[in-house]
Amino acid sequence: MDTRLLMAAALTIALAGCSSAPTKPAVEQALAKQCDKSLDVGYKELNFSNANGFGGSWEYTKAASLLGAAKVQSGFGSYNGCIEKVKTARAYIKESRK
């Protein structure tokens, strides 16, 4: 088989894959926005807890880890996982204040 023909076929397949539209862009954007807002609120609450002397608690540590993991998931487009991790982290932050 001719190398140029093989390269052209591979390029055509690659370009066809890139040209497909995302399945649900509006839903993706809404989830991304919710994830980002949740992360902002979560980190603000975490910083507030730290400033008020709750930074050494076990719950604070778990919350910080979950927020970090949520940030990573956000970077990979796993917005549902991000949102769930932030919810759990905020619950731990609330617990750390007791």
PDB file of N, CA and C in Angstrom:
ATOM      1  N   MET A   1       0.847  -1.177   0.000  1.00  0.00           N
ATOM      2  CA  MET A   1       0.000   0.000   0.000  1.00  0.00           C
ATOM      3  C   MET A   1       0.887   1.233   0.000  1.00  0.00           C
ATOM      4  N   ASP A   2       0.495   2.223  -0.730  1.00  0.00           N
ATOM      5  CA  ASP A   2       1.244   3.461  -0.831  1.00  0.00           C
ATOM      6  C   ASP A   2       1.229   4.196   0.503  1.00  0.00           C
ATOM      7  N   THR A   3       2.369   4.664   0.965  1.00  0.00           N
ATOM      8  CA  THR A   3       2.492   5.351   2.246  1.00  0.00           C
ATOM      9  C   THR A   3       1.683   6.647   2.267  1.00  0.00           C
ATOM     10  N   ARG A   4       1.675   7.358   1.153  1.00  0.00           N
ATOM     11  CA  ARG A   4       0.916   8.613   1.094  1.00  0.00           C
ATOM     12  C   ARG A   4      -0.576   8.349   1.224  1.00  0.00           C
ATOM     13  N   LEU A   5      -1.052   7.275   0.616  1.00  0.00           N
ATOM     14  CA  LEU A   5      -2.461   6.923   0.710  1.00  0.00           C
ATOM     15  C   LEU A   5      -2.828   6.556   2.145  1.00  0.00           C
ATOM     16  N   LEU A   6      -1.953   5.829   2.792  1.00  0.00           N
ATOM     17  CA  LEU A   6      -2.173   5.456   4.190  1.00  0.00           C
ATOM     18  C   LEU A   6      -2.184   6.686   5.092  1.00  0.00           C
ATOM     19  N   MET A   7      -1.266   7.611   4.869  1.00  0.00           N
ATOM     20  CA  MET A   7      -1.205   8.855   5.651  1.00  0.00           C
ATOM     21  C   MET A   7      -2.454   9.696   5.422  1.00  0.00           C
ATOM     22  N   ALA A   8      -2.913   9.771   4.188  1.00  0.00           N
ATOM     23  CA  ALA A   8      -4.119  10.540   3.868  1.00  0.00           C
ATOM     24  C   ALA A   8      -5.347   9.930   4.535  1.00  0.00           C
ATOM     25  N   ALA A   9      -5.427   8.613   4.554  1.00  0.00           N
ATOM     26  CA  ALA A   9      -6.555   7.947   5.212  1.00  0.00           C
ATOM     27  C   ALA A   9      -6.535   8.200   6.718  1.00  0.00           C
ATOM     28  N   ALA A  10      -5.367   8.133   7.324  1.00  0.00           N
ATOM     29  CA  ALA A  10      -5.250   8.378   8.762  1.00  0.00           C
ATOM     30  C   ALA A  10      -5.612   9.820   9.095  1.00  0.00           C
ATOM     31  N   LEU A  11      -5.177  10.753   8.273  1.00  0.00           N
ATOM     32  CA  LEU A  11      -5.493  12.169   8.482  1.00  0.00           C
ATOM     33  C   LEU A  11      -6.984  12.423   8.326  1.00  0.00           C
ATOM     34  N   THR A  12      -7.604  11.795   7.351  1.00  0.00           N
ATOM     35  CA  THR A  12      -9.046  11.944   7.137  1.00  0.00           C
ATOM     36  C   THR A  12      -9.829  11.427   8.339  1.00  0.00           C
ATOM     37  N   ILE A  13      -9.435  10.291   8.856  1.00  0.00           N
ATOM     38  CA  ILE A  13     -10.108   9.718  10.029  1.00  0.00           C
ATOM     39  C   ILE A  13      -9.924  10.625  11.242  1.00  0.00           C
ATOM     40  N   ALA A  14      -8.718  11.139  11.427  1.00  0.00           N
ATOM     41  CA  ALA A  14      -8.451  12.016  12.568  1.00  0.00           C
ATOM     42  C   ALA A  14      -9.263  13.300  12.479  1.00  0.00           C
ATOM     43  N   LEU A  15      -9.323  13.886  11.294  1.00  0.00           N
ATOM     44  CA  LEU A  15     -10.086  15.124  11.127  1.00  0.00           C
ATOM     45  C   LEU A  15     -11.581  14.887  11.281  1.00  0.00           C
ATOM     46  N   ALA A  16     -12.060  13.754  10.859  1.00  0.00           N
ATOM     47  CA  ALA A  16     -13.484  13.434  11.011  1.00  0.00           C
ATOM     48  C   ALA A  16     -13.840  13.322  12.493  1.00  0.00           C
ATOM     49  N   GLY A  17     -12.954  12.767  13.277  1.00  0.00           N
ATOM     50  CA  GLY A  17     -13.196  12.663  14.717  1.00  0.00           C
ATOM     51  C   GLY A  17     -13.188  14.012  15.397  1.00  0.00           C
ATOM     52  N   CYS A  18     -12.372  14.936  14.934  1.00  0.00           N
ATOM     53  CA  CYS A  18     -12.293  16.265  15.535  1.00  0.00           C
ATOM     54  C   CYS A  18     -13.479  17.139  15.156  1.00  0.00           C
ATOM     55  N   SER A  19     -14.090  16.852  14.033  1.00  0.00           N
ATOM     56  CA  SER A  19     -15.142  17.743  13.565  1.00  0.00           C
ATOM     57  C   SER A  19     -16.503  17.426  14.168  1.00  0.00           C
ATOM     58  N   SER A  20     -16.618  16.321  14.903  1.00  0.00           N
ATOM     59  CA  SER A  20     -17.920  15.997  15.478  1.00  0.00           C
ATOM     60  C   SER A  20     -18.239  16.962  16.612  1.00  0.00           C
ATOM     61  N   ALA A  21     -19.496  17.347  16.715  1.00  0.00           N
ATOM     62  CA  ALA A  21     -19.930  18.292  17.733  1.00  0.00           C
ATOM     63  C   ALA A  21     -20.040  17.599  19.081  1.00  0.00           C
ATOM     64  N   PRO A  22     -19.781  18.327  20.166  1.00  0.00           N
ATOM     65  CA  PRO A  22     -19.958  17.740  21.486  1.00  0.00           C
ATOM     66  C   PRO A  22     -21.408  17.328  21.699  1.00  0.00           C
ATOM     67  N   THR A  23     -21.623  16.309  22.511  1.00  0.00           N
ATOM     68  CA  THR A  23     -22.970  15.769  22.661  1.00  0.00           C
ATOM     69  C   THR A  23     -23.927  16.741  23.345  1.00  0.00           C
ATOM     70  N   LYS A  24     -23.537  17.318  24.453  1.00  0.00           N
ATOM     71  CA  LYS A  24     -24.415  18.224  25.186  1.00  0.00           C
ATOM     72  C   LYS A  24     -23.607  19.409  25.705  1.00  0.00           C
ATOM     73  N   PRO A  25     -23.263  20.351  24.852  1.00  0.00           N
ATOM     74  CA  PRO A  25     -22.395  21.435  25.307  1.00  0.00           C
ATOM     75  C   PRO A  25     -23.032  22.319  26.380  1.00  0.00           C
ATOM     76  N   ALA A  26     -24.330  22.559  26.313  1.00  0.00           N
ATOM     77  CA  ALA A  26     -24.967  23.425  27.305  1.00  0.00           C
ATOM     78  C   ALA A  26     -24.939  22.774  28.683  1.00  0.00           C
ATOM     79  N   VAL A  27     -25.195  21.480  28.727  1.00  0.00           N
ATOM     80  CA  VAL A  27     -25.171  20.764  29.998  1.00  0.00           C
ATOM     81  C   VAL A  27     -23.744  20.732  30.551  1.00  0.00           C
ATOM     82  N   GLU A  28     -22.770  20.458  29.681  1.00  0.00           N
ATOM     83  CA  GLU A  28     -21.361  20.446  30.089  1.00  0.00           C
ATOM     84  C   GLU A  28     -20.958  21.791  30.668  1.00  0.00           C
ATOM     85  N   GLN A  29     -21.347  22.868  29.994  1.00  0.00           N
ATOM     86  CA  GLN A  29     -20.986  24.204  30.459  1.00  0.00           C
ATOM     87  C   GLN A  29     -21.631  24.509  31.802  1.00  0.00           C
ATOM     88  N   ALA A  30     -22.885  24.113  31.981  1.00  0.00           N
ATOM     89  CA  ALA A  30     -23.573  24.351  33.247  1.00  0.00           C
ATOM     90  C   ALA A  30     -22.904  23.580  34.378  1.00  0.00           C
ATOM     91  N   LEU A  31     -22.542  22.328  34.118  1.00  0.00           N
ATOM     92  CA  LEU A  31     -21.855  21.532  35.137  1.00  0.00           C
ATOM     93  C   LEU A  31     -20.481  22.112  35.461  1.00  0.00           C
ATOM     94  N   ALA A  32     -19.770  22.567  34.438  1.00  0.00           N
ATOM     95  CA  ALA A  32     -18.448  23.165  34.650  1.00  0.00           C
ATOM     96  C   ALA A  32     -18.570  24.417  35.510  1.00  0.00           C
ATOM     97  N   LYS A  33     -19.563  25.228  35.223  1.00  0.00           N
ATOM     98  CA  LYS A  33     -19.774  26.454  35.987  1.00  0.00           C
ATOM     99  C   LYS A  33     -20.129  26.132  37.439  1.00  0.00           C
ATOM    100  N   GLN A  34     -21.001  25.143  37.639  1.00  0.00           N
ATOM    101  CA  GLN A  34     -21.391  24.741  38.993  1.00  0.00           C
ATOM    102  C   GLN A  34     -20.183  24.194  39.756  1.00  0.00           C
ATOM    103  N   CYS A  35     -19.369  23.411  39.081  1.00  0.00           N
ATOM    104  CA  CYS A  35     -18.164  22.864  39.703  1.00  0.00           C
ATOM    105  C   CYS A  35     -17.228  23.990  40.131  1.00  0.00           C
ATOM    106  N   ASP A  36     -16.994  24.950  39.243  1.00  0.00           N
ATOM    107  CA  ASP A  36     -16.097  26.066  39.560  1.00  0.00           C
ATOM    108  C   ASP A  36     -16.622  26.897  40.729  1.00  0.00           C
ATOM    109  N   LYS A  37     -17.916  27.186  40.718  1.00  0.00           N
ATOM    110  CA  LYS A  37     -18.500  27.959  41.822  1.00  0.00           C
ATOM    111  C   LYS A  37     -18.397  27.197  43.130  1.00  0.00           C
ATOM    112  N   SER A  38     -18.686  25.902  43.077  1.00  0.00           N
ATOM    113  CA  SER A  38     -18.610  25.078  44.279  1.00  0.00           C
ATOM    114  C   SER A  38     -17.186  25.039  44.830  1.00  0.00           C
ATOM    115  N   LEU A  39     -16.221  24.923  43.931  1.00  0.00           N
ATOM    116  CA  LEU A  39     -14.825  24.924  44.369  1.00  0.00           C
ATOM    117  C   LEU A  39     -14.455  26.246  45.029  1.00  0.00           C
ATOM    118  N   ASP A  40     -14.890  27.355  44.451  1.00  0.00           N
ATOM    119  CA  ASP A  40     -14.604  28.664  45.039  1.00  0.00           C
ATOM    120  C   ASP A  40     -15.166  28.763  46.452  1.00  0.00           C
ATOM    121  N   VAL A  41     -16.428  28.366  46.612  1.00  0.00           N
ATOM    122  CA  VAL A  41     -17.068  28.422  47.929  1.00  0.00           C
ATOM    123  C   VAL A  41     -16.363  27.474  48.901  1.00  0.00           C
ATOM    124  N   GLY A  42     -16.056  26.277  48.435  1.00  0.00           N
ATOM    125  CA  GLY A  42     -15.389  25.299  49.290  1.00  0.00           C
ATOM    126  C   GLY A  42     -14.042  25.795  49.795  1.00  0.00           C
ATOM    127  N   TYR A  43     -13.241  26.372  48.900  1.00  0.00           N
ATOM    128  CA  TYR A  43     -11.936  26.877  49.319  1.00  0.00           C
ATOM    129  C   TYR A  43     -12.066  28.084  50.245  1.00  0.00           C
ATOM    130  N   LYS A  44     -13.060  28.926  50.027  1.00  0.00           N
ATOM    131  CA  LYS A  44     -13.286  30.057  50.940  1.00  0.00           C
ATOM    132  C   LYS A  44     -13.651  29.562  52.331  1.00  0.00           C
ATOM    133  N   GLU A  45     -14.543  28.558  52.399  1.00  0.00           N
ATOM    134  CA  GLU A  45     -14.911  27.991  53.695  1.00  0.00           C
ATOM    135  C   GLU A  45     -13.717  27.317  54.367  1.00  0.00           C
ATOM    136  N   LEU A  46     -12.900  26.642  53.573  1.00  0.00           N
ATOM    137  CA  LEU A  46     -11.713  25.985  54.111  1.00  0.00           C
ATOM    138  C   LEU A  46     -10.746  27.022  54.687  1.00  0.00           C
ATOM    139  N   ASN A  47     -10.519  28.102  53.964  1.00  0.00           N
ATOM    140  CA  ASN A  47      -9.630  29.165  54.437  1.00  0.00           C
ATOM    141  C   ASN A  47     -10.187  29.825  55.694  1.00  0.00           C
ATOM    142  N   PHE A  48     -11.496  30.022  55.743  1.00  0.00           N
ATOM    143  CA  PHE A  48     -12.136  30.610  56.920  1.00  0.00           C
ATOM    144  C   PHE A  48     -11.936  29.705  58.129  1.00  0.00           C
ATOM    145  N   SER A  49     -12.122  28.413  57.941  1.00  0.00           N
ATOM    146  CA  SER A  49     -11.924  27.461  59.044  1.00  0.00           C
ATOM    147  C   SER A  49     -10.482  27.485  59.527  1.00  0.00           C
ATOM    148  N   ASN A  50      -9.558  27.544  58.595  1.00  0.00           N
ATOM    149  CA  ASN A  50      -8.145  27.588  58.958  1.00  0.00           C
ATOM    150  C   ASN A  50      -7.833  28.856  59.740  1.00  0.00           C
ATOM    151  N   ALA A  51      -8.361  29.969  59.292  1.00  0.00           N
ATOM    152  CA  ALA A  51      -8.100  31.249  59.957  1.00  0.00           C
ATOM    153  C   ALA A  51      -8.695  31.283  61.365  1.00  0.00           C
ATOM    154  N   ASN A  52      -9.725  30.501  61.599  1.00  0.00           N
ATOM    155  CA  ASN A  52     -10.368  30.484  62.910  1.00  0.00           C
ATOM    156  C   ASN A  52      -9.906  29.328  63.794  1.00  0.00           C
ATOM    157  N   GLY A  53      -8.794  28.731  63.445  1.00  0.00           N
ATOM    158  CA  GLY A  53      -8.176  27.746  64.314  1.00  0.00           C
ATOM    159  C   GLY A  53      -8.632  26.312  64.145  1.00  0.00           C
ATOM    160  N   PHE A  54      -9.355  26.022  63.082  1.00  0.00           N
ATOM    161  CA  PHE A  54      -9.830  24.655  62.890  1.00  0.00           C
ATOM    162  C   PHE A  54      -8.970  23.887  61.884  1.00  0.00           C
ATOM    163  N   GLY A  55      -7.861  24.461  61.476  1.00  0.00           N
ATOM    164  CA  GLY A  55      -7.031  23.871  60.435  1.00  0.00           C
ATOM    165  C   GLY A  55      -6.358  22.575  60.790  1.00  0.00           C
ATOM    166  N   GLY A  56      -6.231  22.257  62.067  1.00  0.00           N
ATOM    167  CA  GLY A  56      -5.536  21.044  62.463  1.00  0.00           C
ATOM    168  C   GLY A  56      -6.435  19.837  62.640  1.00  0.00           C
ATOM    169  N   SER A  57      -7.716  20.001  62.439  1.00  0.00           N
ATOM    170  CA  SER A  57      -8.631  18.886  62.689  1.00  0.00           C
ATOM    171  C   SER A  57      -8.576  17.860  61.556  1.00  0.00           C
ATOM    172  N   TRP A  58      -8.987  16.651  61.890  1.00  0.00           N
ATOM    173  CA  TRP A  58      -9.016  15.567  60.908  1.00  0.00           C
ATOM    174  C   TRP A  58     -10.002  15.884  59.796  1.00  0.00           C
ATOM    175  N   GLU A  59     -11.157  16.461  60.144  1.00  0.00           N
ATOM    176  CA  GLU A  59     -12.171  16.798  59.142  1.00  0.00           C
ATOM    177  C   GLU A  59     -11.641  17.838  58.162  1.00  0.00           C
ATOM    178  N   TYR A  60     -10.882  18.804  58.682  1.00  0.00           N
ATOM    179  CA  TYR A  60     -10.280  19.832  57.832  1.00  0.00           C
ATOM    180  C   TYR A  60      -9.340  19.187  56.812  1.00  0.00           C
ATOM    181  N   THR A  61      -8.547  18.249  57.276  1.00  0.00           N
ATOM    182  CA  THR A  61      -7.593  17.570  56.394  1.00  0.00           C
ATOM    183  C   THR A  61      -8.309  16.782  55.299  1.00  0.00           C
ATOM    184  N   LYS A  62      -9.385  16.079  55.683  1.00  0.00           N
ATOM    185  CA  LYS A  62     -10.155  15.331  54.686  1.00  0.00           C
ATOM    186  C   LYS A  62     -10.784  16.289  53.677  1.00  0.00           C
ATOM    187  N   ALA A  63     -11.296  17.411  54.165  1.00  0.00           N
ATOM    188  CA  ALA A  63     -11.919  18.393  53.274  1.00  0.00           C
ATOM    189  C   ALA A  63     -10.900  18.962  52.286  1.00  0.00           C
ATOM    190  N   ALA A  64      -9.715  19.273  52.770  1.00  0.00           N
ATOM    191  CA  ALA A  64      -8.670  19.810  51.890  1.00  0.00           C
ATOM    192  C   ALA A  64      -8.296  18.797  50.808  1.00  0.00           C
ATOM    193  N   SER A  65      -8.206  17.531  51.185  1.00  0.00           N
ATOM    194  CA  SER A  65      -7.881  16.483  50.205  1.00  0.00           C
ATOM    195  C   SER A  65      -8.985  16.340  49.165  1.00  0.00           C
ATOM    196  N   LEU A  66     -10.229  16.370  49.633  1.00  0.00           N
ATOM    197  CA  LEU A  66     -11.353  16.248  48.699  1.00  0.00           C
ATOM    198  C   LEU A  66     -11.422  17.430  47.742  1.00  0.00           C
ATOM    199  N   LEU A  67     -11.150  18.626  48.233  1.00  0.00           N
ATOM    200  CA  LEU A  67     -11.169  19.794  47.350  1.00  0.00           C
ATOM    201  C   LEU A  67     -10.063  19.701  46.302  1.00  0.00           C
ATOM    202  N   GLY A  68      -8.904  19.202  46.701  1.00  0.00           N
ATOM    203  CA  GLY A  68      -7.825  19.004  45.741  1.00  0.00           C
ATOM    204  C   GLY A  68      -8.204  17.994  44.669  1.00  0.00           C
ATOM    205  N   ALA A  69      -8.832  16.900  45.099  1.00  0.00           N
ATOM    206  CA  ALA A  69      -9.276  15.878  44.141  1.00  0.00           C
ATOM    207  C   ALA A  69     -10.366  16.420  43.223  1.00  0.00           C
ATOM    208  N   ALA A  70     -11.251  17.252  43.767  1.00  0.00           N
ATOM    209  CA  ALA A  70     -12.303  17.860  42.951  1.00  0.00           C
ATOM    210  C   ALA A  70     -11.706  18.786  41.894  1.00  0.00           C
ATOM    211  N   LYS A  71     -10.669  19.500  42.270  1.00  0.00           N
ATOM    212  CA  LYS A  71      -9.994  20.393  41.315  1.00  0.00           C
ATOM    213  C   LYS A  71      -9.383  19.584  40.168  1.00  0.00           C
ATOM    214  N   VAL A  72      -8.801  18.452  40.487  1.00  0.00           N
ATOM    215  CA  VAL A  72      -8.225  17.580  39.452  1.00  0.00           C
ATOM    216  C   VAL A  72      -9.329  17.060  38.535  1.00  0.00           C
ATOM    217  N   GLN A  73     -10.441  16.609  39.128  1.00  0.00           N
ATOM    218  CA  GLN A  73     -11.543  16.107  38.311  1.00  0.00           C
ATOM    219  C   GLN A  73     -12.084  17.196  37.398  1.00  0.00           C
ATOM    220  N   SER A  74     -12.140  18.406  37.900  1.00  0.00           N
ATOM    221  CA  SER A  74     -12.598  19.524  37.074  1.00  0.00           C
ATOM    222  C   SER A  74     -11.696  19.696  35.856  1.00  0.00           C
ATOM    223  N   GLY A  75     -10.398  19.559  36.073  1.00  0.00           N
ATOM    224  CA  GLY A  75      -9.446  19.683  34.976  1.00  0.00           C
ATOM    225  C   GLY A  75      -9.620  18.625  33.904  1.00  0.00           C
ATOM    226  N   PHE A  76     -10.128  17.462  34.294  1.00  0.00           N
ATOM    227  CA  PHE A  76     -10.345  16.377  33.338  1.00  0.00           C
ATOM    228  C   PHE A  76     -11.776  16.350  32.802  1.00  0.00           C
ATOM    229  N   GLY A  77     -12.607  17.314  33.207  1.00  0.00           N
ATOM    230  CA  GLY A  77     -13.969  17.382  32.703  1.00  0.00           C
ATOM    231  C   GLY A  77     -14.945  16.455  33.404  1.00  0.00           C
ATOM    232  N   SER A  78     -14.564  15.925  34.550  1.00  0.00           N
ATOM    233  CA  SER A  78     -15.453  15.067  35.326  1.00  0.00           C
ATOM    234  C   SER A  78     -16.195  15.945  36.344  1.00  0.00           C
ATOM    235  N   TYR A  79     -17.153  16.722  35.833  1.00  0.00           N
ATOM    236  CA  TYR A  79     -17.798  17.745  36.648  1.00  0.00           C
ATOM    237  C   TYR A  79     -18.738  17.167  37.696  1.00  0.00           C
ATOM    238  N   ASN A  80     -19.408  16.074  37.399  1.00  0.00           N
ATOM    239  CA  ASN A  80     -20.287  15.459  38.405  1.00  0.00           C
ATOM    240  C   ASN A  80     -19.480  14.985  39.604  1.00  0.00           C
ATOM    241  N   GLY A  81     -18.364  14.357  39.352  1.00  0.00           N
ATOM    242  CA  GLY A  81     -17.493  13.916  40.438  1.00  0.00           C
ATOM    243  C   GLY A  81     -16.949  15.088  41.236  1.00  0.00           C
ATOM    244  N   CYS A  82     -16.615  16.160  40.538  1.00  0.00           N
ATOM    245  CA  CYS A  82     -16.131  17.374  41.187  1.00  0.00           C
ATOM    246  C   CYS A  82     -17.179  17.922  42.142  1.00  0.00           C
ATOM    247  N   ILE A  83     -18.401  18.032  41.666  1.00  0.00           N
ATOM    248  CA  ILE A  83     -19.490  18.596  42.471  1.00  0.00           C
ATOM    249  C   ILE A  83     -19.742  17.738  43.707  1.00  0.00           C
ATOM    250  N   GLU A  84     -19.739  16.433  43.535  1.00  0.00           N
ATOM    251  CA  GLU A  84     -19.977  15.531  44.670  1.00  0.00           C
ATOM    252  C   GLU A  84     -18.850  15.624  45.698  1.00  0.00           C
ATOM    253  N   LYS A  85     -17.612  15.704  45.245  1.00  0.00           N
ATOM    254  CA  LYS A  85     -16.487  15.806  46.170  1.00  0.00           C
ATOM    255  C   LYS A  85     -16.544  17.123  46.941  1.00  0.00           C
ATOM    256  N   VAL A  86     -16.924  18.198  46.277  1.00  0.00           N
ATOM    257  CA  VAL A  86     -17.025  19.487  46.970  1.00  0.00           C
ATOM    258  C   VAL A  86     -18.131  19.440  48.022  1.00  0.00           C
ATOM    259  N   LYS A  87     -19.258  18.809  47.707  1.00  0.00           N
ATOM    260  CA  LYS A  87     -20.340  18.680  48.692  1.00  0.00           C
ATOM    261  C   LYS A  87     -19.850  17.936  49.928  1.00  0.00           C
ATOM    262  N   THR A  88     -19.139  16.858  49.710  1.00  0.00           N
ATOM    263  CA  THR A  88     -18.613  16.082  50.829  1.00  0.00           C
ATOM    264  C   THR A  88     -17.585  16.892  51.613  1.00  0.00           C
ATOM    265  N   ALA A  89     -16.726  17.607  50.899  1.00  0.00           N
ATOM    266  CA  ALA A  89     -15.710  18.434  51.559  1.00  0.00           C
ATOM    267  C   ALA A  89     -16.362  19.516  52.416  1.00  0.00           C
ATOM    268  N   ARG A  90     -17.409  20.135  51.901  1.00  0.00           N
ATOM    269  CA  ARG A  90     -18.086  21.189  52.665  1.00  0.00           C
ATOM    270  C   ARG A  90     -18.746  20.617  53.919  1.00  0.00           C
ATOM    271  N   ALA A  91     -19.219  19.394  53.840  1.00  0.00           N
ATOM    272  CA  ALA A  91     -19.784  18.744  55.029  1.00  0.00           C
ATOM    273  C   ALA A  91     -18.687  18.522  56.070  1.00  0.00           C
ATOM    274  N   TYR A  92     -17.495  18.109  55.635  1.00  0.00           N
ATOM    275  CA  TYR A  92     -16.380  17.930  56.555  1.00  0.00           C
ATOM    276  C   TYR A  92     -15.945  19.260  57.163  1.00  0.00           C
ATOM    277  N   ILE A  93     -15.964  20.315  56.358  1.00  0.00           N
ATOM    278  CA  ILE A  93     -15.598  21.642  56.865  1.00  0.00           C
ATOM    279  C   ILE A  93     -16.581  22.053  57.964  1.00  0.00           C
ATOM    280  N   LYS A  94     -17.846  21.819  57.728  1.00  0.00           N
ATOM    281  CA  LYS A  94     -18.866  22.140  58.716  1.00  0.00           C
ATOM    282  C   LYS A  94     -18.616  21.348  60.001  1.00  0.00           C
ATOM    283  N   GLU A  95     -18.278  20.072  59.849  1.00  0.00           N
ATOM    284  CA  GLU A  95     -17.984  19.222  61.013  1.00  0.00           C
ATOM    285  C   GLU A  95     -16.748  19.722  61.771  1.00  0.00           C
ATOM    286  N   SER A  96     -15.772  20.227  61.044  1.00  0.00           N
ATOM    287  CA  SER A  96     -14.533  20.663  61.689  1.00  0.00           C
ATOM    288  C   SER A  96     -14.755  21.853  62.609  1.00  0.00           C
ATOM    289  N   ARG A  97     -15.816  22.588  62.426  1.00  0.00           N
ATOM    290  CA  ARG A  97     -16.105  23.772  63.237  1.00  0.00           C
ATOM    291  C   ARG A  97     -16.806  23.430  64.531  1.00  0.00           C
ATOM    292  N   LYS A  98     -17.198  22.175  64.720  1.00  0.00           N
ATOM    293  CA  LYS A  98     -17.934  21.797  65.934  1.00  0.00           C
ATOM    294  C   LYS A  98     -16.996  21.523  67.085  1.00  0.00           C
TER     295      LYS A  98
END
